[in-house]
């Protein structure tokens, strides 16, 4: 899966994430923390900003912080 990281609507990074079998349930954590699967080194990003969840073959995005915003496919 490819994640495009935007800041002020401008792409700043593209992250390729290896995903296991899509039929399995799993989570990908995104943030500044070293224990995140995808690390974004920016002071405006929370340590655990959001998590992508694969549930029954569908991706869900769950924001983990009250700060900042998370936009998925423009929404």
Protein backbone atom coordinates (compact mmCIF):
# COMPACT_ATOMS: atom_id res chain seq x y z
CA UNK A 1 0.00 0.00 0.00
CA UNK A 2 1.21 3.53 -0.73
CA UNK A 3 0.58 6.39 1.72
CA UNK A 4 1.10 9.96 0.53
CA UNK A 5 1.87 12.34 3.41
CA UNK A 6 0.67 15.91 2.86
CA UNK A 7 1.43 19.07 4.81
CA UNK A 8 -0.78 22.06 4.02
CA UNK A 9 -2.09 20.09 1.03
CA UNK A 10 1.44 19.68 -0.40
CA UNK A 11 2.96 16.18 -0.69
CA UNK A 12 6.03 15.88 1.53
CA UNK A 13 6.60 12.11 1.49
CA UNK A 14 5.40 8.85 -0.01
CA UNK A 15 5.58 5.81 2.24
CA UNK A 16 5.29 2.25 0.97
CA UNK A 17 3.82 -0.08 3.57
CA UNK A 18 4.17 -3.84 3.22
CA UNK A 19 0.91 -5.46 4.19
CA UNK A 20 0.33 -9.09 5.07
CA UNK A 21 -2.52 -11.22 3.79
CA UNK A 22 -5.46 -8.81 3.18
CA UNK A 23 -7.90 -11.35 4.61
CA UNK A 24 -6.25 -11.04 8.05
CA UNK A 25 -7.09 -8.30 10.55
CA UNK A 26 -4.18 -5.98 11.34
CA UNK A 27 -3.30 -2.36 12.17
CA UNK A 28 -0.70 0.11 10.93
CA UNK A 29 0.16 2.92 13.39
CA UNK A 30 1.29 6.30 12.01
CA UNK A 31 2.97 9.08 14.00
CA UNK A 32 6.25 10.45 15.37
CA UNK A 33 6.90 7.67 17.89
CA UNK A 34 9.64 5.14 17.23
CA UNK A 35 7.15 2.33 17.86
CA UNK A 36 4.93 3.39 14.92
CA UNK A 37 5.01 1.34 11.73
CA UNK A 38 5.13 4.56 9.68
CA UNK A 39 7.15 7.39 11.26
CA UNK A 40 6.60 11.03 10.27
CA UNK A 41 9.23 13.34 11.73
CA UNK A 42 7.26 16.56 12.12
CA UNK A 43 6.49 18.40 15.38
CA UNK A 44 2.88 18.94 14.23
CA UNK A 45 2.29 15.17 14.12
CA UNK A 46 1.34 13.44 17.35
CA UNK A 47 3.37 10.51 18.64
CA UNK A 48 0.45 8.23 17.71
CA UNK A 49 -1.49 10.32 15.19
CA UNK A 50 -3.73 7.68 13.58
CA UNK A 51 -4.07 3.98 12.93
CA UNK A 52 -5.10 2.26 9.70
CA UNK A 53 -7.08 -0.89 10.33
CA UNK A 54 -7.79 -3.69 7.91
CA UNK A 55 -11.10 -5.21 8.96
CA UNK A 56 -12.59 -7.89 6.72
CA UNK A 57 -10.61 -6.60 3.73
CA UNK A 58 -11.67 -2.95 4.19
CA UNK A 59 -9.42 -0.14 5.41
CA UNK A 60 -10.58 2.06 8.29
CA UNK A 61 -8.74 5.12 9.61
CA UNK A 62 -9.01 5.94 13.31
CA UNK A 63 -7.59 9.24 14.55
CA UNK A 64 -5.74 8.73 17.86
CA UNK A 65 -5.28 12.39 18.86
CA UNK A 66 -7.43 15.48 19.29
CA UNK A 67 -4.73 17.64 17.69
CA UNK A 68 -4.25 18.17 13.98
CA UNK A 69 -6.28 16.54 11.27
CA UNK A 70 -6.37 13.39 9.20
CA UNK A 71 -7.64 13.46 5.61
CA UNK A 72 -8.21 10.28 3.63
CA UNK A 73 -8.68 10.61 -0.12
CA UNK A 74 -9.59 14.28 0.23
CA UNK A 75 -12.23 13.77 2.92
